[in-house]
Amino acid sequence: MNIHFRDVQSGSVEARAVVEIAEGVFLNELTILNIEGEIVVEFPKKSFIGKNKRTFYIDIITFEDVDKRIVWELEIKEAYRNWRKTNKKVLVYEDS
C-alpha cells in the first residue's frame, strides 16, 4: 500500500493522506488527526440531507470486519510516523 501525505497546519488536523489501494487506484482525503496527543485516522465520509432535513453520513470505504479496519489504521499510522520523522512539522507564527 503506497501512502502519500500532505502536511496541514489547521487545528487538530496533522496531515491528509492519499492511499494507492491498487495499481493506479487512489483513495483521497484520509485525515490524520492529533486528538489529545493520540494519532487518529479518519476515513472519508459522504454527507447528505434527508427528507426530514437531518444530515446523514455514509462511510465511503467499508470494511468486511473491524479487524481489517484496525489493520489499515495501524498501517497508515505507522507510515505517518515514519513520514513525520523525515518531514518535521514547522509552526509559523505571525507577529501581532
PDB file of N, CA and C in Angstrom:
ATOM      1  N   MET A   1       0.851  -1.164   0.000  1.00  0.00           N
ATOM      2  CA  MET A   1       0.000   0.000   0.000  1.00  0.00           C
ATOM      3  C   MET A   1       0.901   1.233   0.000  1.00  0.00           C
ATOM      4  N   ASN A   2       0.799   2.058  -1.026  1.00  0.00           N
ATOM      5  CA  ASN A   2       1.546   3.308  -1.097  1.00  0.00           C
ATOM      6  C   ASN A   2       0.700   4.420  -0.502  1.00  0.00           C
ATOM      7  N   ILE A   3       1.300   5.195   0.402  1.00  0.00           N
ATOM      8  CA  ILE A   3       0.591   6.283   1.056  1.00  0.00           C
ATOM      9  C   ILE A   3       1.394   7.564   0.866  1.00  0.00           C
ATOM     10  N   HIS A   4       0.720   8.619   0.423  1.00  0.00           N
ATOM     11  CA  HIS A   4       1.347   9.923   0.240  1.00  0.00           C
ATOM     12  C   HIS A   4       0.681  10.898   1.200  1.00  0.00           C
ATOM     13  N   PHE A   5       1.486  11.635   1.971  1.00  0.00           N
ATOM     14  CA  PHE A   5       0.966  12.567   2.950  1.00  0.00           C
ATOM     15  C   PHE A   5       1.197  14.007   2.504  1.00  0.00           C
ATOM     16  N   ARG A   6       0.294  14.879   2.943  1.00  0.00           N
ATOM     17  CA  ARG A   6       0.428  16.316   2.716  1.00  0.00           C
ATOM     18  C   ARG A   6       0.221  16.990   4.068  1.00  0.00           C
ATOM     19  N   ASP A   7       1.175  17.823   4.456  1.00  0.00           N
ATOM     20  CA  ASP A   7       1.129  18.493   5.749  1.00  0.00           C
ATOM     21  C   ASP A   7      -0.010  19.508   5.786  1.00  0.00           C
ATOM     22  N   VAL A   8      -0.721  19.551   6.914  1.00  0.00           N
ATOM     23  CA  VAL A   8      -1.801  20.511   7.129  1.00  0.00           C
ATOM     24  C   VAL A   8      -1.564  21.134   8.491  1.00  0.00           C
ATOM     25  N   GLN A   9      -1.663  22.439   8.571  1.00  0.00           N
ATOM     26  CA  GLN A   9      -1.468  23.111   9.855  1.00  0.00           C
ATOM     27  C   GLN A   9      -2.759  23.824  10.230  1.00  0.00           C
ATOM     28  N   SER A  10      -3.731  23.027  10.642  1.00  0.00           N
ATOM     29  CA  SER A  10      -5.032  23.593  10.974  1.00  0.00           C
ATOM     30  C   SER A  10      -5.644  22.824  12.137  1.00  0.00           C
ATOM     31  N   GLY A  11      -5.619  23.415  13.316  1.00  0.00           N
ATOM     32  CA  GLY A  11      -6.236  22.789  14.483  1.00  0.00           C
ATOM     33  C   GLY A  11      -5.659  21.425  14.793  1.00  0.00           C
ATOM     34  N   SER A  12      -6.543  20.446  14.962  1.00  0.00           N
ATOM     35  CA  SER A  12      -6.091  19.102  15.323  1.00  0.00           C
ATOM     36  C   SER A  12      -5.711  18.263  14.111  1.00  0.00           C
ATOM     37  N   VAL A  13      -5.875  18.797  12.893  1.00  0.00           N
ATOM     38  CA  VAL A  13      -5.520  18.061  11.678  1.00  0.00           C
ATOM     39  C   VAL A  13      -4.015  18.134  11.481  1.00  0.00           C
ATOM     40  N   GLU A  14      -3.383  16.974  11.443  1.00  0.00           N
ATOM     41  CA  GLU A  14      -1.935  16.888  11.249  1.00  0.00           C
ATOM     42  C   GLU A  14      -1.574  16.815   9.766  1.00  0.00           C
ATOM     43  N   ALA A  15      -2.310  15.972   9.023  1.00  0.00           N
ATOM     44  CA  ALA A  15      -1.975  15.748   7.618  1.00  0.00           C
ATOM     45  C   ALA A  15      -3.170  15.142   6.898  1.00  0.00           C
ATOM     46  N   ARG A  16      -3.124  15.181   5.585  1.00  0.00           N
ATOM     47  CA  ARG A  16      -4.075  14.476   4.734  1.00  0.00           C
ATOM     48  C   ARG A  16      -3.283  13.415   3.985  1.00  0.00           C
ATOM     49  N   ALA A  17      -3.950  12.308   3.673  1.00  0.00           N
ATOM     50  CA  ALA A  17      -3.265  11.209   3.006  1.00  0.00           C
ATOM     51  C   ALA A  17      -4.036  10.752   1.782  1.00  0.00           C
ATOM     52  N   VAL A  18      -3.280  10.283   0.798  1.00  0.00           N
ATOM     53  CA  VAL A  18      -3.828   9.626  -0.385  1.00  0.00           C
ATOM     54  C   VAL A  18      -3.230   8.229  -0.399  1.00  0.00           C
ATOM     55  N   VAL A  19      -4.103   7.216  -0.467  1.00  0.00           N
ATOM     56  CA  VAL A  19      -3.655   5.829  -0.412  1.00  0.00           C
ATOM     57  C   VAL A  19      -3.893   5.178  -1.769  1.00  0.00           C
ATOM     58  N   GLU A  20      -2.842   4.561  -2.303  1.00  0.00           N
ATOM     59  CA  GLU A  20      -2.980   3.793  -3.545  1.00  0.00           C
ATOM     60  C   GLU A  20      -3.405   2.384  -3.138  1.00  0.00           C
ATOM     61  N   ILE A  21      -4.695   2.071  -3.370  1.00  0.00           N
ATOM     62  CA  ILE A  21      -5.233   0.791  -2.907  1.00  0.00           C
ATOM     63  C   ILE A  21      -5.042  -0.324  -3.925  1.00  0.00           C
ATOM     64  N   ALA A  22      -4.799   0.043  -5.173  1.00  0.00           N
ATOM     65  CA  ALA A  22      -4.466  -0.904  -6.244  1.00  0.00           C
ATOM     66  C   ALA A  22      -3.670  -0.111  -7.276  1.00  0.00           C
ATOM     67  N   GLU A  23      -3.085  -0.786  -8.212  1.00  0.00           N
ATOM     68  CA  GLU A  23      -2.281  -0.118  -9.240  1.00  0.00           C
ATOM     69  C   GLU A  23      -3.125   0.946  -9.949  1.00  0.00           C
ATOM     70  N   GLY A  24      -2.776   2.223  -9.709  1.00  0.00           N
ATOM     71  CA  GLY A  24      -3.467   3.320 -10.368  1.00  0.00           C
ATOM     72  C   GLY A  24      -4.825   3.681  -9.774  1.00  0.00           C
ATOM     73  N   VAL A  25      -5.196   3.092  -8.622  1.00  0.00           N
ATOM     74  CA  VAL A  25      -6.466   3.386  -7.957  1.00  0.00           C
ATOM     75  C   VAL A  25      -6.151   4.038  -6.617  1.00  0.00           C
ATOM     76  N   PHE A  26      -6.670   5.264  -6.412  1.00  0.00           N
ATOM     77  CA  PHE A  26      -6.322   6.038  -5.227  1.00  0.00           C
ATOM     78  C   PHE A  26      -7.553   6.348  -4.383  1.00  0.00           C
ATOM     79  N   LEU A  27      -7.353   6.363  -3.082  1.00  0.00           N
ATOM     80  CA  LEU A  27      -8.373   6.774  -2.126  1.00  0.00           C
ATOM     81  C   LEU A  27      -7.891   8.085  -1.525  1.00  0.00           C
ATOM     82  N   ASN A  28      -8.658   9.166  -1.752  1.00  0.00           N
ATOM     83  CA  ASN A  28      -8.271  10.504  -1.304  1.00  0.00           C
ATOM     84  C   ASN A  28      -8.880  10.856   0.048  1.00  0.00           C
ATOM     85  N   GLU A  29      -8.320  11.908   0.627  1.00  0.00           N
ATOM     86  CA  GLU A  29      -8.882  12.570   1.809  1.00  0.00           C
ATOM     87  C   GLU A  29      -8.967  11.725   3.063  1.00  0.00           C
ATOM     88  N   LEU A  30      -7.970  10.909   3.316  1.00  0.00           N
ATOM     89  CA  LEU A  30      -7.851  10.332   4.647  1.00  0.00           C
ATOM     90  C   LEU A  30      -7.236  11.420   5.511  1.00  0.00           C
ATOM     91  N   THR A  31      -7.771  11.611   6.686  1.00  0.00           N
ATOM     92  CA  THR A  31      -7.309  12.682   7.554  1.00  0.00           C
ATOM     93  C   THR A  31      -6.591  12.087   8.756  1.00  0.00           C
ATOM     94  N   ILE A  32      -5.420  12.642   9.044  1.00  0.00           N
ATOM     95  CA  ILE A  32      -4.650  12.244  10.216  1.00  0.00           C
ATOM     96  C   ILE A  32      -4.856  13.333  11.267  1.00  0.00           C
ATOM     97  N   LEU A  33      -5.450  12.945  12.397  1.00  0.00           N
ATOM     98  CA  LEU A  33      -5.759  13.890  13.461  1.00  0.00           C
ATOM     99  C   LEU A  33      -4.869  13.645  14.667  1.00  0.00           C
ATOM    100  N   ASN A  34      -4.640  14.701  15.432  1.00  0.00           N
ATOM    101  CA  ASN A  34      -3.955  14.587  16.712  1.00  0.00           C
ATOM    102  C   ASN A  34      -4.964  15.015  17.763  1.00  0.00           C
ATOM    103  N   ILE A  35      -5.574  14.036  18.419  1.00  0.00           N
ATOM    104  CA  ILE A  35      -6.580  14.308  19.438  1.00  0.00           C
ATOM    105  C   ILE A  35      -5.994  13.944  20.792  1.00  0.00           C
ATOM    106  N   GLU A  36      -5.731  14.979  21.583  1.00  0.00           N
ATOM    107  CA  GLU A  36      -5.152  14.831  22.917  1.00  0.00           C
ATOM    108  C   GLU A  36      -3.876  13.992  22.889  1.00  0.00           C
ATOM    109  N   GLY A  37      -3.022  14.243  21.900  1.00  0.00           N
ATOM    110  CA  GLY A  37      -1.738  13.566  21.796  1.00  0.00           C
ATOM    111  C   GLY A  37      -1.771  12.207  21.130  1.00  0.00           C
ATOM    112  N   GLU A  38      -2.942  11.740  20.748  1.00  0.00           N
ATOM    113  CA  GLU A  38      -3.076  10.437  20.093  1.00  0.00           C
ATOM    114  C   GLU A  38      -3.350  10.637  18.606  1.00  0.00           C
ATOM    115  N   ILE A  39      -2.647   9.879  17.768  1.00  0.00           N
ATOM    116  CA  ILE A  39      -2.855   9.944  16.323  1.00  0.00           C
ATOM    117  C   ILE A  39      -4.091   9.118  15.972  1.00  0.00           C
ATOM    118  N   VAL A  40      -5.024   9.736  15.241  1.00  0.00           N
ATOM    119  CA  VAL A  40      -6.274   9.091  14.844  1.00  0.00           C
ATOM    120  C   VAL A  40      -6.412   9.203  13.332  1.00  0.00           C
ATOM    121  N   VAL A  41      -6.814   8.104  12.683  1.00  0.00           N
ATOM    122  CA  VAL A  41      -7.057   8.098  11.240  1.00  0.00           C
ATOM    123  C   VAL A  41      -8.557   8.234  11.024  1.00  0.00           C
ATOM    124  N   GLU A  42      -8.938   9.222  10.220  1.00  0.00           N
ATOM    125  CA  GLU A  42     -10.355   9.433   9.906  1.00  0.00           C
ATOM    126  C   GLU A  42     -10.557   9.135   8.419  1.00  0.00           C
ATOM    127  N   PHE A  43     -11.412   8.167   8.124  1.00  0.00           N
ATOM    128  CA  PHE A  43     -11.696   7.808   6.741  1.00  0.00           C
ATOM    129  C   PHE A  43     -12.745   8.757   6.171  1.00  0.00           C
ATOM    130  N   PRO A  44     -12.744   8.967   4.852  1.00  0.00           N
ATOM    131  CA  PRO A  44     -13.693   9.916   4.255  1.00  0.00           C
ATOM    132  C   PRO A  44     -15.141   9.442   4.376  1.00  0.00           C
ATOM    133  N   LYS A  45     -16.044  10.420   4.461  1.00  0.00           N
ATOM    134  CA  LYS A  45     -17.478  10.142   4.551  1.00  0.00           C
ATOM    135  C   LYS A  45     -18.222  11.012   3.555  1.00  0.00           C
ATOM    136  N   LYS A  46     -19.366  10.536   3.124  1.00  0.00           N
ATOM    137  CA  LYS A  46     -20.263  11.284   2.257  1.00  0.00           C
ATOM    138  C   LYS A  46     -21.424  11.759   3.120  1.00  0.00           C
ATOM    139  N   SER A  47     -21.775  13.022   3.007  1.00  0.00           N
ATOM    140  CA  SER A  47     -22.908  13.524   3.773  1.00  0.00           C
ATOM    141  C   SER A  47     -24.018  13.949   2.814  1.00  0.00           C
ATOM    142  N   PHE A  48     -25.233  13.802   3.288  1.00  0.00           N
ATOM    143  CA  PHE A  48     -26.385  14.271   2.517  1.00  0.00           C
ATOM    144  C   PHE A  48     -27.510  14.629   3.471  1.00  0.00           C
ATOM    145  N   ILE A  49     -28.413  15.482   3.012  1.00  0.00           N
ATOM    146  CA  ILE A  49     -29.544  15.909   3.828  1.00  0.00           C
ATOM    147  C   ILE A  49     -30.766  15.109   3.405  1.00  0.00           C
ATOM    148  N   GLY A  50     -31.401  14.473   4.384  1.00  0.00           N
ATOM    149  CA  GLY A  50     -32.574  13.644   4.126  1.00  0.00           C
ATOM    150  C   GLY A  50     -33.838  14.468   3.981  1.00  0.00           C
ATOM    151  N   LYS A  51     -34.939  13.780   3.714  1.00  0.00           N
ATOM    152  CA  LYS A  51     -36.231  14.446   3.555  1.00  0.00           C
ATOM    153  C   LYS A  51     -36.663  15.171   4.821  1.00  0.00           C
ATOM    154  N   ASN A  52     -36.218  14.653   5.964  1.00  0.00           N
ATOM    155  CA  ASN A  52     -36.584  15.266   7.241  1.00  0.00           C
ATOM    156  C   ASN A  52     -35.608  16.375   7.651  1.00  0.00           C
ATOM    157  N   LYS A  53     -34.757  16.805   6.707  1.00  0.00           N
ATOM    158  CA  LYS A  53     -33.783  17.895   6.893  1.00  0.00           C
ATOM    159  C   LYS A  53     -32.646  17.550   7.858  1.00  0.00           C
ATOM    160  N   ARG A  54     -32.497  16.287   8.206  1.00  0.00           N
ATOM    161  CA  ARG A  54     -31.368  15.846   9.016  1.00  0.00           C
ATOM    162  C   ARG A  54     -30.202  15.500   8.103  1.00  0.00           C
ATOM    163  N   THR A  55     -28.980  15.699   8.596  1.00  0.00           N
ATOM    164  CA  THR A  55     -27.792  15.344   7.829  1.00  0.00           C
ATOM    165  C   THR A  55     -27.379  13.918   8.185  1.00  0.00           C
ATOM    166  N   PHE A  56     -27.153  13.115   7.154  1.00  0.00           N
ATOM    167  CA  PHE A  56     -26.738  11.732   7.317  1.00  0.00           C
ATOM    168  C   PHE A  56     -25.333  11.569   6.750  1.00  0.00           C
ATOM    169  N   TYR A  57     -24.564  10.662   7.343  1.00  0.00           N
ATOM    170  CA  TYR A  57     -23.196  10.394   6.901  1.00  0.00           C
ATOM    171  C   TYR A  57     -23.052   8.923   6.556  1.00  0.00           C
ATOM    172  N   ILE A  58     -22.390   8.655   5.432  1.00  0.00           N
ATOM    173  CA  ILE A  58     -22.133   7.287   4.982  1.00  0.00           C
ATOM    174  C   ILE A  58     -20.633   7.137   4.777  1.00  0.00           C
ATOM    175  N   ASP A  59     -20.061   6.055   5.314  1.00  0.00           N
ATOM    176  CA  ASP A  59     -18.645   5.777   5.082  1.00  0.00           C
ATOM    177  C   ASP A  59     -18.420   5.473   3.610  1.00  0.00           C
ATOM    178  N   ILE A  60     -17.411   6.089   3.025  1.00  0.00           N
ATOM    179  CA  ILE A  60     -17.097   5.841   1.620  1.00  0.00           C
ATOM    180  C   ILE A  60     -16.401   4.498   1.460  1.00  0.00           C
ATOM    181  N   ILE A  61     -15.588   4.150   2.432  1.00  0.00           N
ATOM    182  CA  ILE A  61     -14.911   2.862   2.385  1.00  0.00           C
ATOM    183  C   ILE A  61     -15.465   1.997   3.514  1.00  0.00           C
ATOM    184  N   THR A  62     -15.844   0.777   3.177  1.00  0.00           N
ATOM    185  CA  THR A  62     -16.431  -0.141   4.148  1.00  0.00           C
ATOM    186  C   THR A  62     -15.543  -1.368   4.266  1.00  0.00           C
ATOM    187  N   PHE A  63     -15.366  -1.830   5.488  1.00  0.00           N
ATOM    188  CA  PHE A  63     -14.520  -2.987   5.757  1.00  0.00           C
ATOM    189  C   PHE A  63     -15.392  -4.195   6.082  1.00  0.00           C
ATOM    190  N   GLU A  64     -14.890  -5.355   5.718  1.00  0.00           N
ATOM    191  CA  GLU A  64     -15.587  -6.615   5.960  1.00  0.00           C
ATOM    192  C   GLU A  64     -15.814  -6.850   7.460  1.00  0.00           C
ATOM    193  N   ASP A  65     -14.797  -6.508   8.246  1.00  0.00           N
ATOM    194  CA  ASP A  65     -14.916  -6.633   9.693  1.00  0.00           C
ATOM    195  C   ASP A  65     -14.017  -5.593  10.359  1.00  0.00           C
ATOM    196  N   VAL A  66     -14.168  -5.440  11.651  1.00  0.00           N
ATOM    197  CA  VAL A  66     -13.435  -4.432  12.407  1.00  0.00           C
ATOM    198  C   VAL A  66     -11.930  -4.694  12.384  1.00  0.00           C
ATOM    199  N   ASP A  67     -11.532  -5.957  12.355  1.00  0.00           N
ATOM    200  CA  ASP A  67     -10.112  -6.293  12.351  1.00  0.00           C
ATOM    201  C   ASP A  67      -9.398  -5.722  11.132  1.00  0.00           C
ATOM    202  N   LYS A  68     -10.037  -5.797   9.963  1.00  0.00           N
ATOM    203  CA  LYS A  68      -9.417  -5.257   8.747  1.00  0.00           C
ATOM    204  C   LYS A  68      -9.273  -3.750   8.832  1.00  0.00           C
ATOM    205  N   ARG A  69     -10.274  -3.082   9.419  1.00  0.00           N
ATOM    206  CA  ARG A  69     -10.189  -1.629   9.593  1.00  0.00           C
ATOM    207  C   ARG A  69      -9.031  -1.269  10.525  1.00  0.00           C
ATOM    208  N   ILE A  70      -8.881  -2.026  11.611  1.00  0.00           N
ATOM    209  CA  ILE A  70      -7.809  -1.764  12.569  1.00  0.00           C
ATOM    210  C   ILE A  70      -6.440  -1.962  11.919  1.00  0.00           C
ATOM    211  N   VAL A  71      -6.307  -3.004  11.104  1.00  0.00           N
ATOM    212  CA  VAL A  71      -5.031  -3.247  10.406  1.00  0.00           C
ATOM    213  C   VAL A  71      -4.703  -2.070   9.488  1.00  0.00           C
ATOM    214  N   TRP A  72      -5.685  -1.579   8.737  1.00  0.00           N
ATOM    215  CA  TRP A  72      -5.469  -0.425   7.861  1.00  0.00           C
ATOM    216  C   TRP A  72      -5.057   0.793   8.671  1.00  0.00           C
ATOM    217  N   GLU A  73      -5.775   1.049   9.773  1.00  0.00           N
ATOM    218  CA  GLU A  73      -5.448   2.199  10.602  1.00  0.00           C
ATOM    219  C   GLU A  73      -4.019   2.104  11.141  1.00  0.00           C
ATOM    220  N   LEU A  74      -3.626   0.926  11.600  1.00  0.00           N
ATOM    221  CA  LEU A  74      -2.270   0.744  12.126  1.00  0.00           C
ATOM    222  C   LEU A  74      -1.213   0.954  11.042  1.00  0.00           C
ATOM    223  N   GLU A  75      -1.460   0.443   9.830  1.00  0.00           N
ATOM    224  CA  GLU A  75      -0.506   0.639   8.729  1.00  0.00           C
ATOM    225  C   GLU A  75      -0.384   2.121   8.374  1.00  0.00           C
ATOM    226  N   ILE A  76      -1.502   2.826   8.341  1.00  0.00           N
ATOM    227  CA  ILE A  76      -1.486   4.249   7.998  1.00  0.00           C
ATOM    228  C   ILE A  76      -0.789   5.049   9.100  1.00  0.00           C
ATOM    229  N   LYS A  77      -1.067   4.731  10.368  1.00  0.00           N
ATOM    230  CA  LYS A  77      -0.407   5.429  11.479  1.00  0.00           C
ATOM    231  C   LYS A  77       1.098   5.212  11.446  1.00  0.00           C
ATOM    232  N   GLU A  78       1.525   3.981  11.198  1.00  0.00           N
ATOM    233  CA  GLU A  78       2.961   3.685  11.143  1.00  0.00           C
ATOM    234  C   GLU A  78       3.623   4.428   9.990  1.00  0.00           C
ATOM    235  N   ALA A  79       2.977   4.446   8.820  1.00  0.00           N
ATOM    236  CA  ALA A  79       3.522   5.176   7.667  1.00  0.00           C
ATOM    237  C   ALA A  79       3.585   6.671   7.976  1.00  0.00           C
ATOM    238  N   TYR A  80       2.568   7.194   8.672  1.00  0.00           N
ATOM    239  CA  TYR A  80       2.573   8.616   9.035  1.00  0.00           C
ATOM    240  C   TYR A  80       3.731   8.927   9.985  1.00  0.00           C
ATOM    241  N   ARG A  81       3.931   8.089  10.986  1.00  0.00           N
ATOM    242  CA  ARG A  81       5.034   8.320  11.934  1.00  0.00           C
ATOM    243  C   ARG A  81       6.384   8.308  11.221  1.00  0.00           C
ATOM    244  N   ASN A  82       6.561   7.373  10.295  1.00  0.00           N
ATOM    245  CA  ASN A  82       7.814   7.324   9.531  1.00  0.00           C
ATOM    246  C   ASN A  82       7.964   8.557   8.650  1.00  0.00           C
ATOM    247  N   TRP A  83       6.878   9.002   8.022  1.00  0.00           N
ATOM    248  CA  TRP A  83       6.909  10.198   7.178  1.00  0.00           C
ATOM    249  C   TRP A  83       7.223  11.427   8.021  1.00  0.00           C
ATOM    250  N   ARG A  84       6.631  11.502   9.202  1.00  0.00           N
ATOM    251  CA  ARG A  84       6.823  12.665  10.070  1.00  0.00           C
ATOM    252  C   ARG A  84       8.260  12.748  10.583  1.00  0.00           C
ATOM    253  N   LYS A  85       8.951  11.606  10.709  1.00  0.00           N
ATOM    254  CA  LYS A  85      10.342  11.618  11.151  1.00  0.00           C
ATOM    255  C   LYS A  85      11.218  12.379  10.157  1.00  0.00           C
ATOM    256  N   THR A  86      10.927  12.247   8.875  1.00  0.00           N
ATOM    257  CA  THR A  86      11.734  12.923   7.857  1.00  0.00           C
ATOM    258  C   THR A  86      11.152  14.270   7.447  1.00  0.00           C
ATOM    259  N   ASN A  87       9.904  14.544   7.821  1.00  0.00           N
ATOM    260  CA  ASN A  87       9.240  15.805   7.480  1.00  0.00           C
ATOM    261  C   ASN A  87       8.715  16.451   8.759  1.00  0.00           C
ATOM    262  N   LYS A  88       9.611  17.106   9.461  1.00  0.00           N
ATOM    263  CA  LYS A  88       9.246  17.721  10.743  1.00  0.00           C
ATOM    264  C   LYS A  88       8.205  18.815  10.533  1.00  0.00           C
ATOM    265  N   LYS A  89       7.307  18.929  11.497  1.00  0.00           N
ATOM    266  CA  LYS A  89       6.275  19.958  11.444  1.00  0.00           C
ATOM    267  C   LYS A  89       6.902  21.287  11.840  1.00  0.00           C
ATOM    268  N   VAL A  90       6.704  22.303  11.001  1.00  0.00           N
ATOM    269  CA  VAL A  90       7.242  23.635  11.262  1.00  0.00           C
ATOM    270  C   VAL A  90       6.059  24.548  11.542  1.00  0.00           C
ATOM    271  N   LEU A  91       6.066  25.115  12.726  1.00  0.00           N
ATOM    272  CA  LEU A  91       4.990  26.040  13.083  1.00  0.00           C
ATOM    273  C   LEU A  91       5.425  27.460  12.748  1.00  0.00           C
ATOM    274  N   VAL A  92       4.558  28.179  12.077  1.00  0.00           N
ATOM    275  CA  VAL A  92       4.861  29.547  11.673  1.00  0.00           C
ATOM    276  C   VAL A  92       3.880  30.464  12.394  1.00  0.00           C
ATOM    277  N   TYR A  93       4.429  31.450  13.087  1.00  0.00           N
ATOM    278  CA  TYR A  93       3.595  32.414  13.814  1.00  0.00           C
ATOM    279  C   TYR A  93       3.794  33.794  13.235  1.00  0.00           C
ATOM    280  N   GLU A  94       2.721  34.560  13.174  1.00  0.00           N
ATOM    281  CA  GLU A  94       2.807  35.932  12.710  1.00  0.00           C
ATOM    282  C   GLU A  94       2.928  36.838  13.924  1.00  0.00           C
ATOM    283  N   ASP A  95       3.657  37.967  13.760  1.00  0.00           N
ATOM    284  CA  ASP A  95       3.733  38.956  14.830  1.00  0.00           C
ATOM    285  C   ASP A  95       2.411  39.685  14.916  1.00  0.00           C
ATOM    286  N   SER A  96       1.961  39.926  16.138  1.00  0.00           N
ATOM    287  CA  SER A  96       0.677  40.614  16.331  1.00  0.00           C
ATOM    288  C   SER A  96       0.835  42.097  16.294  1.00  0.00           C
TER     289      SER A  96
END
